[in-house]
Amino acid sequence: MYHFPSALARQLLAALSTGLILTLSSNVASSTENCERLEAIAVQYAGVELTRGQKQLKQRMIIWYSTHCIVHADR
């Protein structure tokens, strides 16, 4: 039986999608600002159960964060 996503799950997906779009748009903001946005999203949605699609999106965001944000923190 298929269950429709809850309102919270839909909001989370929208926030994650928005975060991904913002982080990958180099002309929208600096890398530092994008890292801060991802960190804020991570805090806001910590502990929320994700769907498979949301987990895949989160994994892509983690890869982007690892590449762009952790490198900047070392400088």
PDB file of N, CA and C in Angstrom:
ATOM      1  N   MET A   1       0.839  -1.179   0.000  1.00  0.00           N
ATOM      2  CA  MET A   1       0.000   0.000   0.000  1.00  0.00           C
ATOM      3  C   MET A   1       0.881   1.238   0.000  1.00  0.00           C
ATOM      4  N   TYR A   2       0.604   2.183  -0.887  1.00  0.00           N
ATOM      5  CA  TYR A   2       1.398   3.403  -1.002  1.00  0.00           C
ATOM      6  C   TYR A   2       0.887   4.434  -0.019  1.00  0.00           C
ATOM      7  N   HIS A   3       1.821   5.051   0.683  1.00  0.00           N
ATOM      8  CA  HIS A   3       1.466   6.118   1.614  1.00  0.00           C
ATOM      9  C   HIS A   3       1.961   7.437   1.040  1.00  0.00           C
ATOM     10  N   PHE A   4       1.084   8.410   1.004  1.00  0.00           N
ATOM     11  CA  PHE A   4       1.483   9.735   0.534  1.00  0.00           C
ATOM     12  C   PHE A   4       2.414  10.364   1.561  1.00  0.00           C
ATOM     13  N   PRO A   5       3.394  11.100   1.092  1.00  0.00           N
ATOM     14  CA  PRO A   5       4.314  11.726   2.039  1.00  0.00           C
ATOM     15  C   PRO A   5       3.601  12.727   2.933  1.00  0.00           C
ATOM     16  N   SER A   6       4.053  12.798   4.166  1.00  0.00           N
ATOM     17  CA  SER A   6       3.464  13.749   5.106  1.00  0.00           C
ATOM     18  C   SER A   6       3.851  15.165   4.705  1.00  0.00           C
ATOM     19  N   ALA A   7       3.182  16.118   5.314  1.00  0.00           N
ATOM     20  CA  ALA A   7       3.482  17.525   5.027  1.00  0.00           C
ATOM     21  C   ALA A   7       4.931  17.836   5.388  1.00  0.00           C
ATOM     22  N   LEU A   8       5.411  17.281   6.491  1.00  0.00           N
ATOM     23  CA  LEU A   8       6.789  17.506   6.900  1.00  0.00           C
ATOM     24  C   LEU A   8       7.762  16.935   5.873  1.00  0.00           C
ATOM     25  N   ALA A   9       7.470  15.754   5.362  1.00  0.00           N
ATOM     26  CA  ALA A   9       8.335  15.139   4.352  1.00  0.00           C
ATOM     27  C   ALA A   9       8.356  15.982   3.081  1.00  0.00           C
ATOM     28  N   ARG A  10       7.219  16.508   2.683  1.00  0.00           N
ATOM     29  CA  ARG A  10       7.168  17.365   1.489  1.00  0.00           C
ATOM     30  C   ARG A  10       7.965  18.649   1.712  1.00  0.00           C
ATOM     31  N   GLN A  11       7.855  19.222   2.908  1.00  0.00           N
ATOM     32  CA  GLN A  11       8.612  20.436   3.222  1.00  0.00           C
ATOM     33  C   GLN A  11      10.104  20.138   3.230  1.00  0.00           C
ATOM     34  N   LEU A  12      10.473  18.995   3.772  1.00  0.00           N
ATOM     35  CA  LEU A  12      11.873  18.605   3.811  1.00  0.00           C
ATOM     36  C   LEU A  12      12.419  18.437   2.401  1.00  0.00           C
ATOM     37  N   LEU A  13      11.679  17.770   1.561  1.00  0.00           N
ATOM     38  CA  LEU A  13      12.123  17.584   0.183  1.00  0.00           C
ATOM     39  C   LEU A  13      12.277  18.924  -0.520  1.00  0.00           C
ATOM     40  N   ALA A  14      11.342  19.818  -0.293  1.00  0.00           N
ATOM     41  CA  ALA A  14      11.433  21.148  -0.898  1.00  0.00           C
ATOM     42  C   ALA A  14      12.663  21.889  -0.387  1.00  0.00           C
ATOM     43  N   ALA A  15      12.921  21.802   0.909  1.00  0.00           N
ATOM     44  CA  ALA A  15      14.086  22.478   1.487  1.00  0.00           C
ATOM     45  C   ALA A  15      15.384  21.866   0.974  1.00  0.00           C
ATOM     46  N   LEU A  16      15.434  20.549   0.926  1.00  0.00           N
ATOM     47  CA  LEU A  16      16.636  19.890   0.416  1.00  0.00           C
ATOM     48  C   LEU A  16      16.871  20.222  -1.049  1.00  0.00           C
ATOM     49  N   SER A  17      15.807  20.219  -1.819  1.00  0.00           N
ATOM     50  CA  SER A  17      15.928  20.551  -3.242  1.00  0.00           C
ATOM     51  C   SER A  17      16.403  21.983  -3.419  1.00  0.00           C
ATOM     52  N   THR A  18      15.823  22.885  -2.652  1.00  0.00           N
ATOM     53  CA  THR A  18      16.227  24.283  -2.715  1.00  0.00           C
ATOM     54  C   THR A  18      17.683  24.435  -2.317  1.00  0.00           C
ATOM     55  N   GLY A  19      18.063  23.750  -1.262  1.00  0.00           N
ATOM     56  CA  GLY A  19      19.449  23.803  -0.814  1.00  0.00           C
ATOM     57  C   GLY A  19      20.411  23.300  -1.869  1.00  0.00           C
ATOM     58  N   LEU A  20      20.054  22.217  -2.522  1.00  0.00           N
ATOM     59  CA  LEU A  20      20.912  21.669  -3.567  1.00  0.00           C
ATOM     60  C   LEU A  20      21.037  22.641  -4.728  1.00  0.00           C
ATOM     61  N   ILE A  21      19.933  23.207  -5.138  1.00  0.00           N
ATOM     62  CA  ILE A  21      19.960  24.164  -6.250  1.00  0.00           C
ATOM     63  C   ILE A  21      20.812  25.374  -5.890  1.00  0.00           C
ATOM     64  N   LEU A  22      20.650  25.878  -4.684  1.00  0.00           N
ATOM     65  CA  LEU A  22      21.425  27.047  -4.262  1.00  0.00           C
ATOM     66  C   LEU A  22      22.911  26.730  -4.162  1.00  0.00           C
ATOM     67  N   THR A  23      23.212  25.555  -3.667  1.00  0.00           N
ATOM     68  CA  THR A  23      24.623  25.224  -3.493  1.00  0.00           C
ATOM     69  C   THR A  23      25.327  24.994  -4.816  1.00  0.00           C
ATOM     70  N   LEU A  24      24.612  24.530  -5.802  1.00  0.00           N
ATOM     71  CA  LEU A  24      25.231  24.246  -7.079  1.00  0.00           C
ATOM     72  C   LEU A  24      25.226  25.448  -8.021  1.00  0.00           C
ATOM     73  N   SER A  25      24.584  26.505  -7.627  1.00  0.00           N
ATOM     74  CA  SER A  25      24.527  27.713  -8.452  1.00  0.00           C
ATOM     75  C   SER A  25      25.663  28.637  -8.041  1.00  0.00           C
ATOM     76  N   SER A  26      26.754  28.564  -8.750  1.00  0.00           N
ATOM     77  CA  SER A  26      27.929  29.330  -8.346  1.00  0.00           C
ATOM     78  C   SER A  26      27.709  30.824  -8.437  1.00  0.00           C
ATOM     79  N   ASN A  27      26.814  31.275  -9.297  1.00  0.00           N
ATOM     80  CA  ASN A  27      26.608  32.711  -9.417  1.00  0.00           C
ATOM     81  C   ASN A  27      25.547  33.233  -8.448  1.00  0.00           C
ATOM     82  N   VAL A  28      24.914  32.368  -7.670  1.00  0.00           N
ATOM     83  CA  VAL A  28      23.917  32.811  -6.695  1.00  0.00           C
ATOM     84  C   VAL A  28      24.591  33.308  -5.426  1.00  0.00           C
ATOM     85  N   ALA A  29      25.587  32.596  -4.958  1.00  0.00           N
ATOM     86  CA  ALA A  29      26.246  32.977  -3.719  1.00  0.00           C
ATOM     87  C   ALA A  29      27.632  32.349  -3.688  1.00  0.00           C
ATOM     88  N   SER A  30      28.447  32.841  -2.791  1.00  0.00           N
ATOM     89  CA  SER A  30      29.781  32.283  -2.651  1.00  0.00           C
ATOM     90  C   SER A  30      29.702  30.887  -2.047  1.00  0.00           C
ATOM     91  N   SER A  31      30.767  30.169  -2.187  1.00  0.00           N
ATOM     92  CA  SER A  31      30.819  28.816  -1.643  1.00  0.00           C
ATOM     93  C   SER A  31      30.606  28.821  -0.132  1.00  0.00           C
ATOM     94  N   THR A  32      31.161  29.820   0.540  1.00  0.00           N
ATOM     95  CA  THR A  32      31.006  29.918   1.996  1.00  0.00           C
ATOM     96  C   THR A  32      29.536  30.063   2.376  1.00  0.00           C
ATOM     97  N   GLU A  33      28.812  30.914   1.668  1.00  0.00           N
ATOM     98  CA  GLU A  33      27.378  31.098   1.949  1.00  0.00           C
ATOM     99  C   GLU A  33      26.608  29.814   1.691  1.00  0.00           C
ATOM    100  N   ASN A  34      26.967  29.106   0.631  1.00  0.00           N
ATOM    101  CA  ASN A  34      26.292  27.844   0.331  1.00  0.00           C
ATOM    102  C   ASN A  34      26.571  26.802   1.407  1.00  0.00           C
ATOM    103  N   CYS A  35      27.788  26.774   1.911  1.00  0.00           N
ATOM    104  CA  CYS A  35      28.127  25.845   2.991  1.00  0.00           C
ATOM    105  C   CYS A  35      27.298  26.157   4.233  1.00  0.00           C
ATOM    106  N   GLU A  36      27.179  27.441   4.540  1.00  0.00           N
ATOM    107  CA  GLU A  36      26.385  27.849   5.699  1.00  0.00           C
ATOM    108  C   GLU A  36      24.917  27.471   5.525  1.00  0.00           C
ATOM    109  N   ARG A  37      24.398  27.598   4.322  1.00  0.00           N
ATOM    110  CA  ARG A  37      23.003  27.211   4.063  1.00  0.00           C
ATOM    111  C   ARG A  37      22.805  25.717   4.277  1.00  0.00           C
ATOM    112  N   LEU A  38      23.745  24.919   3.782  1.00  0.00           N
ATOM    113  CA  LEU A  38      23.636  23.469   3.967  1.00  0.00           C
ATOM    114  C   LEU A  38      23.723  23.093   5.440  1.00  0.00           C
ATOM    115  N   GLU A  39      24.591  23.758   6.172  1.00  0.00           N
ATOM    116  CA  GLU A  39      24.716  23.489   7.607  1.00  0.00           C
ATOM    117  C   GLU A  39      23.419  23.826   8.329  1.00  0.00           C
ATOM    118  N   ALA A  40      22.787  24.931   7.960  1.00  0.00           N
ATOM    119  CA  ALA A  40      21.517  25.328   8.581  1.00  0.00           C
ATOM    120  C   ALA A  40      20.416  24.314   8.263  1.00  0.00           C
ATOM    121  N   ILE A  41      20.392  23.833   7.026  1.00  0.00           N
ATOM    122  CA  ILE A  41      19.400  22.822   6.640  1.00  0.00           C
ATOM    123  C   ILE A  41      19.626  21.541   7.433  1.00  0.00           C
ATOM    124  N   ALA A  42      20.889  21.153   7.585  1.00  0.00           N
ATOM    125  CA  ALA A  42      21.211  19.934   8.331  1.00  0.00           C
ATOM    126  C   ALA A  42      20.724  20.022   9.775  1.00  0.00           C
ATOM    127  N   VAL A  43      20.916  21.174  10.389  1.00  0.00           N
ATOM    128  CA  VAL A  43      20.475  21.370  11.769  1.00  0.00           C
ATOM    129  C   VAL A  43      18.948  21.363  11.845  1.00  0.00           C
ATOM    130  N   GLN A  44      18.314  22.048  10.912  1.00  0.00           N
ATOM    131  CA  GLN A  44      16.861  22.180  10.924  1.00  0.00           C
ATOM    132  C   GLN A  44      16.167  20.831  10.776  1.00  0.00           C
ATOM    133  N   TYR A  45      16.731  19.954   9.960  1.00  0.00           N
ATOM    134  CA  TYR A  45      16.063  18.683   9.675  1.00  0.00           C
ATOM    135  C   TYR A  45      16.758  17.485  10.300  1.00  0.00           C
ATOM    136  N   ALA A  46      17.606  17.709  11.293  1.00  0.00           N
ATOM    137  CA  ALA A  46      18.275  16.607  11.980  1.00  0.00           C
ATOM    138  C   ALA A  46      17.236  15.695  12.633  1.00  0.00           C
ATOM    139  N   GLY A  47      17.376  14.400  12.419  1.00  0.00           N
ATOM    140  CA  GLY A  47      16.484  13.424  13.037  1.00  0.00           C
ATOM    141  C   GLY A  47      15.205  13.151  12.278  1.00  0.00           C
ATOM    142  N   VAL A  48      14.955  13.856  11.172  1.00  0.00           N
ATOM    143  CA  VAL A  48      13.751  13.642  10.378  1.00  0.00           C
ATOM    144  C   VAL A  48      13.968  12.429   9.478  1.00  0.00           C
ATOM    145  N   GLU A  49      13.017  11.525   9.463  1.00  0.00           N
ATOM    146  CA  GLU A  49      13.119  10.338   8.620  1.00  0.00           C
ATOM    147  C   GLU A  49      12.921  10.728   7.153  1.00  0.00           C
ATOM    148  N   LEU A  50      13.816  10.257   6.297  1.00  0.00           N
ATOM    149  CA  LEU A  50      13.799  10.623   4.891  1.00  0.00           C
ATOM    150  C   LEU A  50      13.305   9.479   4.019  1.00  0.00           C
ATOM    151  N   THR A  51      12.713   9.846   2.893  1.00  0.00           N
ATOM    152  CA  THR A  51      12.333   8.855   1.889  1.00  0.00           C
ATOM    153  C   THR A  51      13.593   8.448   1.127  1.00  0.00           C
ATOM    154  N   ARG A  52      13.491   7.447   0.289  1.00  0.00           N
ATOM    155  CA  ARG A  52      14.639   6.997  -0.501  1.00  0.00           C
ATOM    156  C   ARG A  52      15.155   8.130  -1.395  1.00  0.00           C
ATOM    157  N   GLY A  53      14.256   8.836  -2.057  1.00  0.00           N
ATOM    158  CA  GLY A  53      14.653   9.951  -2.910  1.00  0.00           C
ATOM    159  C   GLY A  53      15.335  11.059  -2.134  1.00  0.00           C
ATOM    160  N   GLN A  54      14.833  11.345  -0.953  1.00  0.00           N
ATOM    161  CA  GLN A  54      15.430  12.377  -0.115  1.00  0.00           C
ATOM    162  C   GLN A  54      16.815  11.955   0.360  1.00  0.00           C
ATOM    163  N   LYS A  55      16.964  10.655   0.659  1.00  0.00           N
ATOM    164  CA  LYS A  55      18.273  10.144   1.073  1.00  0.00           C
ATOM    165  C   LYS A  55      19.279  10.266  -0.067  1.00  0.00           C
ATOM    166  N   GLN A  56      18.841  10.009  -1.289  1.00  0.00           N
ATOM    167  CA  GLN A  56      19.735  10.139  -2.443  1.00  0.00           C
ATOM    168  C   GLN A  56      20.150  11.598  -2.639  1.00  0.00           C
ATOM    169  N   LEU A  57      19.201  12.511  -2.509  1.00  0.00           N
ATOM    170  CA  LEU A  57      19.493  13.930  -2.626  1.00  0.00           C
ATOM    171  C   LEU A  57      20.438  14.376  -1.511  1.00  0.00           C
ATOM    172  N   LYS A  58      20.196  13.894  -0.309  1.00  0.00           N
ATOM    173  CA  LYS A  58      21.054  14.228   0.821  1.00  0.00           C
ATOM    174  C   LYS A  58      22.480  13.746   0.559  1.00  0.00           C
ATOM    175  N   GLN A  59      22.618  12.549   0.012  1.00  0.00           N
ATOM    176  CA  GLN A  59      23.942  12.011  -0.280  1.00  0.00           C
ATOM    177  C   GLN A  59      24.688  12.896  -1.282  1.00  0.00           C
ATOM    178  N   ARG A  60      23.980  13.373  -2.309  1.00  0.00           N
ATOM    179  CA  ARG A  60      24.617  14.280  -3.277  1.00  0.00           C
ATOM    180  C   ARG A  60      25.039  15.587  -2.613  1.00  0.00           C
ATOM    181  N   MET A  61      24.205  16.071  -1.691  1.00  0.00           N
ATOM    182  CA  MET A  61      24.532  17.308  -0.990  1.00  0.00           C
ATOM    183  C   MET A  61      25.743  17.105  -0.080  1.00  0.00           C
ATOM    184  N   ILE A  62      25.848  15.944   0.541  1.00  0.00           N
ATOM    185  CA  ILE A  62      26.989  15.641   1.402  1.00  0.00           C
ATOM    186  C   ILE A  62      28.270  15.598   0.578  1.00  0.00           C
ATOM    187  N   ILE A  63      28.193  15.005  -0.606  1.00  0.00           N
ATOM    188  CA  ILE A  63      29.363  14.951  -1.485  1.00  0.00           C
ATOM    189  C   ILE A  63      29.791  16.364  -1.869  1.00  0.00           C
ATOM    190  N   TRP A  64      28.823  17.206  -2.240  1.00  0.00           N
ATOM    191  CA  TRP A  64      29.146  18.589  -2.593  1.00  0.00           C
ATOM    192  C   TRP A  64      29.769  19.297  -1.401  1.00  0.00           C
ATOM    193  N   TYR A  65      29.164  19.124  -0.230  1.00  0.00           N
ATOM    194  CA  TYR A  65      29.663  19.763   0.988  1.00  0.00           C
ATOM    195  C   TYR A  65      31.088  19.311   1.287  1.00  0.00           C
ATOM    196  N   SER A  66      31.335  18.020   1.182  1.00  0.00           N
ATOM    197  CA  SER A  66      32.667  17.478   1.459  1.00  0.00           C
ATOM    198  C   SER A  66      33.716  18.060   0.517  1.00  0.00           C
ATOM    199  N   THR A  67      33.331  18.261  -0.715  1.00  0.00           N
ATOM    200  CA  THR A  67      34.255  18.788  -1.724  1.00  0.00           C
ATOM    201  C   THR A  67      34.502  20.281  -1.553  1.00  0.00           C
ATOM    202  N   HIS A  68      33.460  21.032  -1.288  1.00  0.00           N
ATOM    203  CA  HIS A  68      33.566  22.491  -1.290  1.00  0.00           C
ATOM    204  C   HIS A  68      33.706  23.129   0.092  1.00  0.00           C
ATOM    205  N   CYS A  69      33.140  22.551   1.101  1.00  0.00           N
ATOM    206  CA  CYS A  69      33.112  23.214   2.402  1.00  0.00           C
ATOM    207  C   CYS A  69      34.250  22.756   3.314  1.00  0.00           C
ATOM    208  N   ILE A  70      34.532  21.478   3.321  1.00  0.00           N
ATOM    209  CA  ILE A  70      35.589  20.971   4.198  1.00  0.00           C
ATOM    210  C   ILE A  70      36.938  21.473   3.715  1.00  0.00           C
ATOM    211  N   VAL A  71      37.119  21.569   2.424  1.00  0.00           N
ATOM    212  CA  VAL A  71      38.361  22.105   1.853  1.00  0.00           C
ATOM    213  C   VAL A  71      38.570  23.539   2.313  1.00  0.00           C
ATOM    214  N   HIS A  72      37.497  24.341   2.305  1.00  0.00           N
ATOM    215  CA  HIS A  72      37.588  25.744   2.715  1.00  0.00           C
ATOM    216  C   HIS A  72      37.871  25.875   4.212  1.00  0.00           C
ATOM    217  N   ALA A  73      37.394  24.944   4.983  1.00  0.00           N
ATOM    218  CA  ALA A  73      37.605  25.003   6.439  1.00  0.00           C
ATOM    219  C   ALA A  73      39.071  24.762   6.792  1.00  0.00           C
ATOM    220  N   ASP A  74      39.770  24.026   5.941  1.00  0.00           N
ATOM    221  CA  ASP A  74      41.179  23.730   6.195  1.00  0.00           C
ATOM    222  C   ASP A  74      42.081  24.917   5.920  1.00  0.00           C
ATOM    223  N   ARG A  75      41.612  25.902   5.213  1.00  0.00           N
ATOM    224  CA  ARG A  75      42.450  27.050   4.844  1.00  0.00           C
ATOM    225  C   ARG A  75      42.571  28.035   5.961  1.00  0.00           C
TER     226      ARG A  75
END
